[in-house]
Amino acid sequence: NGGCDINVVVTNTGSSTIEMIPDTPYQNCPLVLDSVPSPFQLCEPQIFGQLATEQGKGLSDASVTLTQTENSSPCIDDNCPPVVETTGPPGNFSFCPCLVCSDFEVTPYKNIDPLNGVTTFDLVLINKHILGLELLNSPYKMIAADANNSRSISTFDIVEIRKLILGINDDFPSNTSWRFVDETYQFPNPANPFTEIFPETVKLTLSQGNPTGEANFVAVKVGDVNGSAATAAAPAPVTTLSARIQGDCQAGQTITLPLRYTGQQTLEAFQLGLRFDPARLELIGPSRGDLSGYTAGNFGLGGADRGEIRSLWFANPAVPGEALYPGDVLFYLSFRVL
């Protein structure tokens, strides 16, 4: 069949069906089966599409639901129950309704791993957009920046993303991890994608003269405005550092440690996680070092009883010269020795 990859699925929903699903591209894979063993019928994919980011990266492990729409003639009652498919690494999906329904709705969904692609660098870019210093240059990036789903971009979105990075929240309370926009949709005002409700589903009508339908979506990772999110499963990179306290530490003693930047480049932002042994040290709390604007909101201490500390910081671009310089103390940590 021209070298196309084909998945064969045998189903039994009242009448047995052989479903031939080409991986990609659909249009270039003519489906030919010389003989169909009784009692099966051959069904070629009738509804298909792809979930891909603005950069064209296919999104895997997303669920796509096919449902009949209201008044779908000649469907009645439960002739067309919802069907759910899961996308593979290319982000493709396909359905073979093989039913008498004519009107369908395609709805993608993915709400796992909210931290995927979300870093303090995204906060820097969103902050610059809010201040008008460097605007986000696509409507999809703006949708990604709207973390609290308020249909606007504000410092409240920065607060939501900051809480996620610091481990204060496990997800976006008012949003899903991924949003999906009909690829064919034209934003009336690309500089403000919130002027009207953008479509997150696609409706299709099949007929004898038009027996197939295509539904493609642009996948948007909420909180990730620089497009760094992984669209297929991949192990996260891990960097391990350690620091040892020099000298004798007696039980009951209080010690304060500076966390000093010893790199060579000036930094505009950073985020980090620290781990200590809670059987030996009890965290009293952090205190400010050389960086302005460092407050309790820059720390995630919800895991301190497990020996975990998270912190992030980014410079205010409206303040000239504000940055992290070599030799600066990020902050101090005070502990009680156990």
C-alpha atoms as a PDB file:
ATOM      1  CA  ASN A   1       0.000   0.000   0.000  1.00  0.00           C
ATOM      2  CA  GLY A   2       2.805   2.428  -0.782  1.00  0.00           C
ATOM      3  CA  GLY A   3       4.722   1.879   2.447  1.00  0.00           C
ATOM      4  CA  CYS A   4       2.082   3.291   4.811  1.00  0.00           C
ATOM      5  CA  ASP A   5       1.851   1.916   8.352  1.00  0.00           C
ATOM      6  CA  ILE A   6      -1.537   0.374   9.020  1.00  0.00           C
ATOM      7  CA  ASN A   7      -3.073  -0.623  12.345  1.00  0.00           C
ATOM      8  CA  VAL A   8      -5.835  -3.245  12.084  1.00  0.00           C
ATOM      9  CA  VAL A   9      -8.485  -3.188  14.804  1.00  0.00           C
ATOM     10  CA  VAL A  10     -11.241  -5.779  15.079  1.00  0.00           C
ATOM     11  CA  THR A  11     -14.279  -4.573  17.013  1.00  0.00           C
ATOM     12  CA  ASN A  12     -17.666  -5.981  17.870  1.00  0.00           C
ATOM     13  CA  THR A  13     -20.383  -3.408  18.495  1.00  0.00           C
ATOM     14  CA  GLY A  14     -23.435  -5.354  17.461  1.00  0.00           C
ATOM     15  CA  SER A  15     -21.935  -6.052  14.040  1.00  0.00           C
ATOM     16  CA  SER A  16     -18.303  -7.075  13.691  1.00  0.00           C
ATOM     17  CA  THR A  17     -15.994  -4.635  11.923  1.00  0.00           C
ATOM     18  CA  ILE A  18     -12.441  -4.611  10.599  1.00  0.00           C
ATOM     19  CA  GLU A  19     -11.104  -1.086  11.048  1.00  0.00           C
ATOM     20  CA  MET A  20      -8.069  -0.089   8.952  1.00  0.00           C
ATOM     21  CA  ILE A  21      -6.312   2.881  10.564  1.00  0.00           C
ATOM     22  CA  PRO A  22      -3.346   4.411   8.680  1.00  0.00           C
ATOM     23  CA  ASP A  23      -0.848   6.144  10.947  1.00  0.00           C
ATOM     24  CA  THR A  24       0.078   9.012   8.616  1.00  0.00           C
ATOM     25  CA  PRO A  25      -0.490  10.541   6.170  1.00  0.00           C
ATOM     26  CA  TYR A  26      -4.098   9.492   5.771  1.00  0.00           C
ATOM     27  CA  GLN A  27      -4.653  10.898   2.298  1.00  0.00           C
ATOM     28  CA  ASN A  28      -1.762   8.911   0.824  1.00  0.00           C
ATOM     29  CA  CYS A  29      -2.810   5.535   2.184  1.00  0.00           C
ATOM     30  CA  PRO A  30      -5.429   3.897  -0.071  1.00  0.00           C
ATOM     31  CA  LEU A  31      -6.935   1.046   1.919  1.00  0.00           C
ATOM     32  CA  VAL A  32      -7.287  -2.182  -0.058  1.00  0.00           C
ATOM     33  CA  LEU A  33      -8.389  -5.512   1.340  1.00  0.00           C
ATOM     34  CA  ASP A  34      -8.919  -8.177  -1.323  1.00  0.00           C
ATOM     35  CA  SER A  35     -11.271 -10.323   0.690  1.00  0.00           C
ATOM     36  CA  VAL A  36     -13.099  -9.658   3.944  1.00  0.00           C
ATOM     37  CA  PRO A  37     -13.742 -12.791   5.986  1.00  0.00           C
ATOM     38  CA  SER A  38     -17.356 -13.282   6.978  1.00  0.00           C
ATOM     39  CA  PRO A  39     -19.043 -11.953   9.094  1.00  0.00           C
ATOM     40  CA  PHE A  40     -16.820  -8.840   9.127  1.00  0.00           C
ATOM     41  CA  GLN A  41     -17.347  -5.662   7.139  1.00  0.00           C
ATOM     42  CA  LEU A  42     -14.533  -3.352   6.044  1.00  0.00           C
ATOM     43  CA  CYS A  43     -14.579   0.187   7.383  1.00  0.00           C
ATOM     44  CA  GLU A  44     -12.065   2.824   6.331  1.00  0.00           C
ATOM     45  CA  PRO A  45     -11.370   5.761   8.667  1.00  0.00           C
ATOM     46  CA  GLN A  46     -14.062   8.359   8.110  1.00  0.00           C
ATOM     47  CA  ILE A  47     -13.035  10.962  10.686  1.00  0.00           C
ATOM     48  CA  PHE A  48      -9.378  11.664  11.358  1.00  0.00           C
ATOM     49  CA  GLY A  49      -6.949  14.425  12.291  1.00  0.00           C
ATOM     50  CA  GLN A  50      -3.924  15.490  14.296  1.00  0.00           C
ATOM     51  CA  LEU A  51      -3.089  17.353  17.498  1.00  0.00           C
ATOM     52  CA  ALA A  52       0.096  19.382  17.039  1.00  0.00           C
ATOM     53  CA  THR A  53       1.691  22.421  18.648  1.00  0.00           C
ATOM     54  CA  GLU A  54       2.209  25.736  16.914  1.00  0.00           C
ATOM     55  CA  GLN A  55       5.706  24.458  16.063  1.00  0.00           C
ATOM     56  CA  GLY A  56       4.216  21.346  14.416  1.00  0.00           C
ATOM     57  CA  LYS A  57       5.142  18.814  17.131  1.00  0.00           C
ATOM     58  CA  GLY A  58       2.548  16.031  17.375  1.00  0.00           C
ATOM     59  CA  LEU A  59       1.025  15.569  20.843  1.00  0.00           C
ATOM     60  CA  SER A  60       0.801  12.016  22.182  1.00  0.00           C
ATOM     61  CA  ASP A  61      -1.259  10.540  25.035  1.00  0.00           C
ATOM     62  CA  ALA A  62      -4.155  12.935  24.526  1.00  0.00           C
ATOM     63  CA  SER A  63      -7.704  11.608  24.449  1.00  0.00           C
ATOM     64  CA  VAL A  64      -9.971  12.541  21.555  1.00  0.00           C
ATOM     65  CA  THR A  65     -13.707  11.968  21.910  1.00  0.00           C
ATOM     66  CA  LEU A  66     -16.112  11.550  19.011  1.00  0.00           C
ATOM     67  CA  THR A  67     -19.768  12.211  19.834  1.00  0.00           C
ATOM     68  CA  GLN A  68     -22.907  12.645  17.790  1.00  0.00           C
ATOM     69  CA  THR A  69     -24.284  16.162  17.883  1.00  0.00           C
ATOM     70  CA  GLU A  70     -27.853  17.033  18.770  1.00  0.00           C
ATOM     71  CA  ASN A  71     -30.429  16.311  16.070  1.00  0.00           C
ATOM     72  CA  SER A  72     -27.849  14.214  14.214  1.00  0.00           C
ATOM     73  CA  SER A  73     -30.039  12.824  11.459  1.00  0.00           C
ATOM     74  CA  PRO A  74     -30.938  10.009  11.156  1.00  0.00           C
ATOM     75  CA  CYS A  75     -29.447   9.104  14.574  1.00  0.00           C
ATOM     76  CA  ILE A  76     -31.799   8.503  17.465  1.00  0.00           C
ATOM     77  CA  ASP A  77     -31.281   7.432  21.055  1.00  0.00           C
ATOM     78  CA  ASP A  78     -27.936   5.643  21.499  1.00  0.00           C
ATOM     79  CA  ASN A  79     -27.206   4.704  17.889  1.00  0.00           C
ATOM     80  CA  CYS A  80     -23.935   6.622  18.116  1.00  0.00           C
ATOM     81  CA  PRO A  81     -22.353   6.280  21.577  1.00  0.00           C
ATOM     82  CA  PRO A  82     -19.244   8.420  22.272  1.00  0.00           C
ATOM     83  CA  VAL A  83     -15.950   6.876  21.181  1.00  0.00           C
ATOM     84  CA  VAL A  84     -12.559   7.812  22.675  1.00  0.00           C
ATOM     85  CA  GLU A  85      -9.167   7.388  20.990  1.00  0.00           C
ATOM     86  CA  THR A  86      -5.685   8.111  22.394  1.00  0.00           C
ATOM     87  CA  THR A  87      -3.124   9.834  20.177  1.00  0.00           C
ATOM     88  CA  GLY A  88       0.291   8.328  19.506  1.00  0.00           C
ATOM     89  CA  PRO A  89       3.619  10.217  19.119  1.00  0.00           C
ATOM     90  CA  PRO A  90       2.613  11.796  15.751  1.00  0.00           C
ATOM     91  CA  GLY A  91      -0.501  13.194  17.452  1.00  0.00           C
ATOM     92  CA  ASN A  92      -2.805  11.415  14.993  1.00  0.00           C
ATOM     93  CA  PHE A  93      -6.241   9.987  15.668  1.00  0.00           C
ATOM     94  CA  SER A  94      -8.938   8.379  13.538  1.00  0.00           C
ATOM     95  CA  PHE A  95     -12.469   7.087  13.957  1.00  0.00           C
ATOM     96  CA  CYS A  96     -14.504   4.661  11.930  1.00  0.00           C
ATOM     97  CA  PRO A  97     -18.093   5.302  13.027  1.00  0.00           C
ATOM     98  CA  CYS A  98     -19.618   2.778  10.571  1.00  0.00           C
ATOM     99  CA  LEU A  99     -22.982   4.009  11.786  1.00  0.00           C
ATOM    100  CA  VAL A 100     -25.936   5.819  10.317  1.00  0.00           C
ATOM    101  CA  CYS A 101     -25.078   9.071  12.107  1.00  0.00           C
ATOM    102  CA  SER A 102     -24.162  12.057   9.974  1.00  0.00           C
ATOM    103  CA  ASP A 103     -23.253  14.889  12.393  1.00  0.00           C
ATOM    104  CA  PHE A 104     -20.322  14.524  14.776  1.00  0.00           C
ATOM    105  CA  GLU A 105     -18.261  16.583  17.215  1.00  0.00           C
ATOM    106  CA  VAL A 106     -14.534  15.981  17.871  1.00  0.00           C
ATOM    107  CA  THR A 107     -13.147  17.057  21.272  1.00  0.00           C
ATOM    108  CA  PRO A 108      -9.489  16.663  22.395  1.00  0.00           C
ATOM    109  CA  TYR A 109      -8.480  16.633  26.064  1.00  0.00           C
ATOM    110  CA  LYS A 110      -5.253  16.320  28.050  1.00  0.00           C
ATOM    111  CA  ASN A 111      -4.878  17.369  31.666  1.00  0.00           C
ATOM    112  CA  ILE A 112      -1.733  15.715  33.044  1.00  0.00           C
ATOM    113  CA  ASP A 113       1.792  16.887  33.905  1.00  0.00           C
ATOM    114  CA  PRO A 114       0.981  20.612  34.264  1.00  0.00           C
ATOM    115  CA  LEU A 115       4.664  21.448  34.917  1.00  0.00           C
ATOM    116  CA  ASN A 116       5.703  20.147  31.490  1.00  0.00           C
ATOM    117  CA  GLY A 117       7.519  23.024  29.764  1.00  0.00           C
ATOM    118  CA  VAL A 118       6.668  25.524  32.519  1.00  0.00           C
ATOM    119  CA  THR A 119       9.651  27.387  33.957  1.00  0.00           C
ATOM    120  CA  THR A 120      10.594  30.752  35.402  1.00  0.00           C
ATOM    121  CA  PHE A 121      11.654  31.817  31.900  1.00  0.00           C
ATOM    122  CA  ASP A 122       7.971  31.719  30.946  1.00  0.00           C
ATOM    123  CA  LEU A 123       7.278  34.092  33.858  1.00  0.00           C
ATOM    124  CA  VAL A 124       9.917  36.459  32.497  1.00  0.00           C
ATOM    125  CA  LEU A 125       8.297  36.487  29.046  1.00  0.00           C
ATOM    126  CA  ILE A 126       4.773  36.920  30.435  1.00  0.00           C
ATOM    127  CA  ASN A 127       5.923  39.751  32.680  1.00  0.00           C
ATOM    128  CA  LYS A 128       7.522  41.549  29.738  1.00  0.00           C
ATOM    129  CA  HIS A 129       4.278  41.156  27.784  1.00  0.00           C
ATOM    130  CA  ILE A 130       2.239  42.641  30.637  1.00  0.00           C
ATOM    131  CA  LEU A 131       4.629  45.593  30.905  1.00  0.00           C
ATOM    132  CA  GLY A 132       4.526  46.121  27.125  1.00  0.00           C
ATOM    133  CA  LEU A 133       8.283  45.667  26.812  1.00  0.00           C
ATOM    134  CA  GLU A 134       8.222  42.534  24.622  1.00  0.00           C
ATOM    135  CA  LEU A 135       4.828  41.319  23.446  1.00  0.00           C
ATOM    136  CA  LEU A 136       4.028  37.656  22.909  1.00  0.00           C
ATOM    137  CA  ASN A 137       3.949  37.298  19.130  1.00  0.00           C
ATOM    138  CA  SER A 138       1.189  34.741  18.567  1.00  0.00           C
ATOM    139  CA  PRO A 139      -2.363  34.196  19.828  1.00  0.00           C
ATOM    140  CA  TYR A 140      -1.436  30.668  20.935  1.00  0.00           C
ATOM    141  CA  LYS A 141       1.319  31.984  23.215  1.00  0.00           C
ATOM    142  CA  MET A 142      -1.199  34.398  24.711  1.00  0.00           C
ATOM    143  CA  ILE A 143      -3.636  31.551  25.360  1.00  0.00           C
ATOM    144  CA  ALA A 144      -0.779  29.695  27.060  1.00  0.00           C
ATOM    145  CA  ALA A 145      -0.074  32.760  29.220  1.00  0.00           C
ATOM    146  CA  ASP A 146      -3.684  32.874  30.492  1.00  0.00           C
ATOM    147  CA  ALA A 147      -3.020  30.363  33.265  1.00  0.00           C
ATOM    148  CA  ASN A 148      -6.091  31.241  35.342  1.00  0.00           C
ATOM    149  CA  ASN A 149      -8.418  31.062  32.311  1.00  0.00           C
ATOM    150  CA  SER A 150      -9.717  34.608  32.828  1.00  0.00           C
ATOM    151  CA  ARG A 151      -9.515  35.421  29.103  1.00  0.00           C
ATOM    152  CA  SER A 152      -6.860  38.041  29.821  1.00  0.00           C
ATOM    153  CA  ILE A 153      -3.173  38.162  30.730  1.00  0.00           C
ATOM    154  CA  SER A 154      -2.274  39.742  34.060  1.00  0.00           C
ATOM    155  CA  THR A 155      -0.091  39.353  37.126  1.00  0.00           C
ATOM    156  CA  PHE A 156      -2.673  36.882  38.438  1.00  0.00           C
ATOM    157  CA  ASP A 157      -1.455  34.454  35.773  1.00  0.00           C
ATOM    158  CA  ILE A 158       2.108  34.929  37.002  1.00  0.00           C
ATOM    159  CA  VAL A 159       0.911  34.104  40.529  1.00  0.00           C
ATOM    160  CA  GLU A 160      -0.756  30.874  39.334  1.00  0.00           C
ATOM    161  CA  ILE A 161       2.319  29.703  37.419  1.00  0.00           C
ATOM    162  CA  ARG A 162       4.606  30.634  40.294  1.00  0.00           C
ATOM    163  CA  LYS A 163       2.505  28.542  42.712  1.00  0.00           C
ATOM    164  CA  LEU A 164       2.730  25.583  40.341  1.00  0.00           C
ATOM    165  CA  ILE A 165       6.527  25.802  39.985  1.00  0.00           C
ATOM    166  CA  LEU A 166       6.978  26.188  43.749  1.00  0.00           C
ATOM    167  CA  GLY A 167       4.785  23.171  44.469  1.00  0.00           C
ATOM    168  CA  ILE A 168       2.146  25.195  46.307  1.00  0.00           C
ATOM    169  CA  ASN A 169      -0.430  23.988  43.761  1.00  0.00           C
ATOM    170  CA  ASP A 170      -0.393  20.643  41.971  1.00  0.00           C
ATOM    171  CA  ASP A 171      -2.287  21.916  38.920  1.00  0.00           C
ATOM    172  CA  PHE A 172      -4.000  24.972  37.454  1.00  0.00           C
ATOM    173  CA  PRO A 173      -7.157  25.339  39.591  1.00  0.00           C
ATOM    174  CA  SER A 174      -9.163  27.073  36.848  1.00  0.00           C
ATOM    175  CA  ASN A 175      -7.572  25.602  33.743  1.00  0.00           C
ATOM    176  CA  THR A 176      -6.423  22.377  32.118  1.00  0.00           C
ATOM    177  CA  SER A 177      -2.825  21.498  31.350  1.00  0.00           C
ATOM    178  CA  TRP A 178      -3.458  21.627  27.569  1.00  0.00           C
ATOM    179  CA  ARG A 179      -5.879  23.670  25.462  1.00  0.00           C
ATOM    180  CA  PHE A 180      -6.836  22.927  21.867  1.00  0.00           C
ATOM    181  CA  VAL A 181      -7.848  25.337  19.116  1.00  0.00           C
ATOM    182  CA  ASP A 182      -9.439  24.359  15.807  1.00  0.00           C
ATOM    183  CA  GLU A 183      -6.591  24.686  13.305  1.00  0.00           C
ATOM    184  CA  THR A 184      -8.855  26.331  10.727  1.00  0.00           C
ATOM    185  CA  TYR A 185     -10.000  29.056  13.114  1.00  0.00           C
ATOM    186  CA  GLN A 186      -8.969  32.596  12.202  1.00  0.00           C
ATOM    187  CA  PHE A 187      -8.628  34.936  15.176  1.00  0.00           C
ATOM    188  CA  PRO A 188     -10.487  38.228  14.506  1.00  0.00           C
ATOM    189  CA  ASN A 189      -7.689  40.022  16.357  1.00  0.00           C
ATOM    190  CA  PRO A 190      -4.489  37.918  16.615  1.00  0.00           C
ATOM    191  CA  ALA A 191      -3.083  40.476  19.061  1.00  0.00           C
ATOM    192  CA  ASN A 192      -5.932  39.617  21.439  1.00  0.00           C
ATOM    193  CA  PRO A 193      -7.247  36.049  21.026  1.00  0.00           C
ATOM    194  CA  PHE A 194      -9.843  36.617  23.766  1.00  0.00           C
ATOM    195  CA  THR A 195     -12.098  38.987  21.846  1.00  0.00           C
ATOM    196  CA  GLU A 196     -14.392  36.013  21.132  1.00  0.00           C
ATOM    197  CA  ILE A 197     -14.647  32.406  22.292  1.00  0.00           C
ATOM    198  CA  PHE A 198     -12.259  30.358  20.174  1.00  0.00           C
ATOM    199  CA  PRO A 199     -13.471  26.867  19.169  1.00  0.00           C
ATOM    200  CA  GLU A 200     -12.011  23.940  21.102  1.00  0.00           C
ATOM    201  CA  THR A 201     -14.118  21.358  19.266  1.00  0.00           C
ATOM    202  CA  VAL A 202     -14.738  20.624  15.580  1.00  0.00           C
ATOM    203  CA  LYS A 203     -18.150  19.717  14.153  1.00  0.00           C
ATOM    204  CA  LEU A 204     -18.312  17.544  11.037  1.00  0.00           C
ATOM    205  CA  THR A 205     -21.141  16.407   8.784  1.00  0.00           C
ATOM    206  CA  LEU A 206     -20.720  13.214   6.757  1.00  0.00           C
ATOM    207  CA  SER A 207     -22.803  12.267   3.736  1.00  0.00           C
ATOM    208  CA  GLN A 208     -22.643   9.898   0.791  1.00  0.00           C
ATOM    209  CA  GLY A 209     -21.090  12.659  -1.279  1.00  0.00           C
ATOM    210  CA  ASN A 210     -18.709  13.628   1.555  1.00  0.00           C
ATOM    211  CA  PRO A 211     -17.994  10.404   3.487  1.00  0.00           C
ATOM    212  CA  THR A 212     -14.923  11.616   5.401  1.00  0.00           C
ATOM    213  CA  GLY A 213     -14.064  14.509   7.682  1.00  0.00           C
ATOM    214  CA  GLU A 214     -10.808  15.963   8.991  1.00  0.00           C
ATOM    215  CA  ALA A 215     -10.381  17.732  12.348  1.00  0.00           C
ATOM    216  CA  ASN A 216      -6.956  19.180  13.169  1.00  0.00           C
ATOM    217  CA  PHE A 217      -6.133  21.128  16.326  1.00  0.00           C
ATOM    218  CA  VAL A 218      -3.337  23.402  17.547  1.00  0.00           C
ATOM    219  CA  ALA A 219      -2.266  22.084  20.975  1.00  0.00           C
ATOM    220  CA  VAL A 220      -1.391  24.781  23.526  1.00  0.00           C
ATOM    221  CA  LYS A 221       0.482  23.911  26.747  1.00  0.00           C
ATOM    222  CA  VAL A 222      -0.826  26.241  29.432  1.00  0.00           C
ATOM    223  CA  GLY A 223       1.962  28.191  31.142  1.00  0.00           C
ATOM    224  CA  ASP A 224       4.514  27.388  28.425  1.00  0.00           C
ATOM    225  CA  VAL A 225       4.915  30.478  26.232  1.00  0.00           C
ATOM    226  CA  ASN A 226       8.318  29.583  24.775  1.00  0.00           C
ATOM    227  CA  GLY A 227       7.245  26.199  23.363  1.00  0.00           C
ATOM    228  CA  SER A 228       9.566  24.036  25.446  1.00  0.00           C
ATOM    229  CA  ALA A 229       6.993  21.431  26.507  1.00  0.00           C
ATOM    230  CA  ALA A 230       7.671  17.809  25.576  1.00  0.00           C
ATOM    231  CA  THR A 231       4.902  16.416  23.375  1.00  0.00           C
ATOM    232  CA  ALA A 232       5.876  12.770  23.816  1.00  0.00           C
ATOM    233  CA  ALA A 233       6.993  10.908  26.913  1.00  0.00           C
ATOM    234  CA  ALA A 234      10.646  11.606  27.716  1.00  0.00           C
ATOM    235  CA  PRO A 235      12.727  11.360  30.898  1.00  0.00           C
ATOM    236  CA  ALA A 236      13.300  14.691  32.621  1.00  0.00           C
ATOM    237  CA  PRO A 237      16.936  15.821  32.884  1.00  0.00           C
ATOM    238  CA  VAL A 238      18.296  15.717  36.421  1.00  0.00           C
ATOM    239  CA  THR A 239      21.230  17.669  37.835  1.00  0.00           C
ATOM    240  CA  THR A 240      22.425  16.878  41.357  1.00  0.00           C
ATOM    241  CA  LEU A 241      24.497  19.181  43.560  1.00  0.00           C
ATOM    242  CA  SER A 242      25.460  18.896  47.214  1.00  0.00           C
ATOM    243  CA  ALA A 243      26.878  21.130  49.923  1.00  0.00           C
ATOM    244  CA  ARG A 244      28.422  20.075  53.213  1.00  0.00           C
ATOM    245  CA  ILE A 245      28.423  22.129  56.387  1.00  0.00           C
ATOM    246  CA  GLN A 246      31.973  22.592  57.615  1.00  0.00           C
ATOM    247  CA  GLY A 247      32.791  22.331  61.294  1.00  0.00           C
ATOM    248  CA  ASP A 248      31.130  20.848  64.372  1.00  0.00           C
ATOM    249  CA  CYS A 249      27.365  21.203  64.654  1.00  0.00           C
ATOM    250  CA  GLN A 250      25.837  20.418  68.032  1.00  0.00           C
ATOM    251  CA  ALA A 251      22.207  19.480  68.652  1.00  0.00           C
ATOM    252  CA  GLY A 252      20.156  22.575  69.411  1.00  0.00           C
ATOM    253  CA  GLN A 253      22.562  24.883  67.606  1.00  0.00           C
ATOM    254  CA  THR A 254      21.191  27.352  65.001  1.00  0.00           C
ATOM    255  CA  ILE A 255      23.116  27.740  61.757  1.00  0.00           C
ATOM    256  CA  THR A 256      22.574  30.120  58.844  1.00  0.00           C
ATOM    257  CA  LEU A 257      23.884  29.233  55.393  1.00  0.00           C
ATOM    258  CA  PRO A 258      24.250  31.616  52.438  1.00  0.00           C
ATOM    259  CA  LEU A 259      23.298  30.288  49.018  1.00  0.00           C
ATOM    260  CA  ARG A 260      25.756  32.103  46.781  1.00  0.00           C
ATOM    261  CA  TYR A 261      25.844  32.268  42.971  1.00  0.00           C
ATOM    262  CA  THR A 262      29.314  31.274  41.756  1.00  0.00           C
ATOM    263  CA  GLY A 263      28.654  31.215  38.010  1.00  0.00           C
ATOM    264  CA  GLN A 264      30.233  33.576  35.504  1.00  0.00           C
ATOM    265  CA  GLN A 265      27.207  34.992  33.658  1.00  0.00           C
ATOM    266  CA  THR A 266      24.642  37.516  34.767  1.00  0.00           C
ATOM    267  CA  LEU A 267      21.231  35.870  35.163  1.00  0.00           C
ATOM    268  CA  GLU A 268      17.811  37.361  34.552  1.00  0.00           C
ATOM    269  CA  ALA A 269      15.953  34.530  36.299  1.00  0.00           C
ATOM    270  CA  PHE A 270      16.401  31.180  38.004  1.00  0.00           C
ATOM    271  CA  GLN A 271      14.467  28.403  39.697  1.00  0.00           C
ATOM    272  CA  LEU A 272      15.832  25.663  41.888  1.00  0.00           C
ATOM    273  CA  GLY A 273      15.044  22.881  44.308  1.00  0.00           C
ATOM    274  CA  LEU A 274      17.075  22.030  47.408  1.00  0.00           C
ATOM    275  CA  ARG A 275      16.994  18.936  49.570  1.00  0.00           C
ATOM    276  CA  PHE A 276      18.243  18.559  53.152  1.00  0.00           C
ATOM    277  CA  ASP A 277      18.096  15.738  55.701  1.00  0.00           C
ATOM    278  CA  PRO A 278      15.071  16.418  57.923  1.00  0.00           C
ATOM    279  CA  ALA A 279      16.367  13.904  60.465  1.00  0.00           C
ATOM    280  CA  ARG A 280      19.384  16.150  61.087  1.00  0.00           C
ATOM    281  CA  LEU A 281      18.141  19.647  60.358  1.00  0.00           C
ATOM    282  CA  GLU A 282      14.905  21.531  60.983  1.00  0.00           C
ATOM    283  CA  LEU A 283      14.264  24.504  58.715  1.00  0.00           C
ATOM    284  CA  ILE A 284      13.653  27.716  60.627  1.00  0.00           C
ATOM    285  CA  GLY A 285      13.206  29.739  57.486  1.00  0.00           C
ATOM    286  CA  PRO A 286      14.812  31.710  54.662  1.00  0.00           C
ATOM    287  CA  SER A 287      15.906  35.340  54.723  1.00  0.00           C
ATOM    288  CA  ARG A 288      16.796  37.838  52.021  1.00  0.00           C
ATOM    289  CA  GLY A 289      20.202  37.997  50.420  1.00  0.00           C
ATOM    290  CA  ASP A 290      21.411  40.460  47.771  1.00  0.00           C
ATOM    291  CA  LEU A 291      18.386  40.291  45.471  1.00  0.00           C
ATOM    292  CA  SER A 292      15.667  42.916  45.661  1.00  0.00           C
ATOM    293  CA  GLY A 293      12.050  41.851  45.542  1.00  0.00           C
ATOM    294  CA  TYR A 294      12.734  38.515  47.229  1.00  0.00           C
ATOM    295  CA  THR A 295       9.793  37.729  49.504  1.00  0.00           C
ATOM    296  CA  ALA A 296       8.065  34.722  51.037  1.00  0.00           C
ATOM    297  CA  GLY A 297       6.191  34.376  47.745  1.00  0.00           C
ATOM    298  CA  ASN A 298       9.451  33.325  46.077  1.00  0.00           C
ATOM    299  CA  PHE A 299       9.599  30.123  48.127  1.00  0.00           C
ATOM    300  CA  GLY A 300       7.710  26.851  48.122  1.00  0.00           C
ATOM    301  CA  LEU A 301       8.111  25.373  51.609  1.00  0.00           C
ATOM    302  CA  GLY A 302       5.222  22.908  51.574  1.00  0.00           C
ATOM    303  CA  GLY A 303       7.716  20.016  51.502  1.00  0.00           C
ATOM    304  CA  ALA A 304      10.045  21.361  54.220  1.00  0.00           C
ATOM    305  CA  ASP A 305       9.017  18.567  56.598  1.00  0.00           C
ATOM    306  CA  ARG A 306      10.340  16.150  53.947  1.00  0.00           C
ATOM    307  CA  GLY A 307      13.536  18.157  53.509  1.00  0.00           C
ATOM    308  CA  GLU A 308      12.467  19.956  50.295  1.00  0.00           C
ATOM    309  CA  ILE A 309      12.799  23.657  49.447  1.00  0.00           C
ATOM    310  CA  ARG A 310      11.804  25.288  46.159  1.00  0.00           C
ATOM    311  CA  SER A 311      12.544  28.826  45.084  1.00  0.00           C
ATOM    312  CA  LEU A 312      12.392  31.038  42.009  1.00  0.00           C
ATOM    313  CA  TRP A 313      13.169  34.647  41.111  1.00  0.00           C
ATOM    314  CA  PHE A 314      13.134  36.841  38.041  1.00  0.00           C
ATOM    315  CA  ALA A 315      14.312  40.390  37.584  1.00  0.00           C
ATOM    316  CA  ASN A 316      11.866  43.233  37.122  1.00  0.00           C
ATOM    317  CA  PRO A 317      12.633  44.507  33.592  1.00  0.00           C
ATOM    318  CA  ALA A 318      11.365  47.928  34.624  1.00  0.00           C
ATOM    319  CA  VAL A 319      14.247  48.258  37.108  1.00  0.00           C
ATOM    320  CA  PRO A 320      17.513  49.045  35.267  1.00  0.00           C
ATOM    321  CA  GLY A 321      20.381  46.772  36.175  1.00  0.00           C
ATOM    322  CA  GLU A 322      18.358  44.381  38.302  1.00  0.00           C
ATOM    323  CA  ALA A 323      19.845  40.902  37.853  1.00  0.00           C
ATOM    324  CA  LEU A 324      21.720  38.128  39.614  1.00  0.00           C
ATOM    325  CA  TYR A 325      25.455  38.820  39.412  1.00  0.00           C
ATOM    326  CA  PRO A 326      28.404  36.487  40.135  1.00  0.00           C
ATOM    327  CA  GLY A 327      29.086  36.443  43.851  1.00  0.00           C
ATOM    328  CA  ASP A 328      25.574  37.519  44.866  1.00  0.00           C
ATOM    329  CA  VAL A 329      23.866  35.729  47.738  1.00  0.00           C
ATOM    330  CA  LEU A 330      20.489  34.510  46.514  1.00  0.00           C
ATOM    331  CA  PHE A 331      19.173  34.078  50.060  1.00  0.00           C
ATOM    332  CA  TYR A 332      20.074  32.669  53.464  1.00  0.00           C
ATOM    333  CA  LEU A 333      18.662  29.522  55.050  1.00  0.00           C
ATOM    334  CA  SER A 334      18.534  29.092  58.819  1.00  0.00           C
ATOM    335  CA  PHE A 335      18.325  25.654  60.404  1.00  0.00           C
ATOM    336  CA  ARG A 336      18.134  24.176  63.870  1.00  0.00           C
ATOM    337  CA  VAL A 337      20.508  21.230  64.266  1.00  0.00           C
ATOM    338  CA  LEU A 338      18.716  18.098  65.473  1.00  0.00           C
END
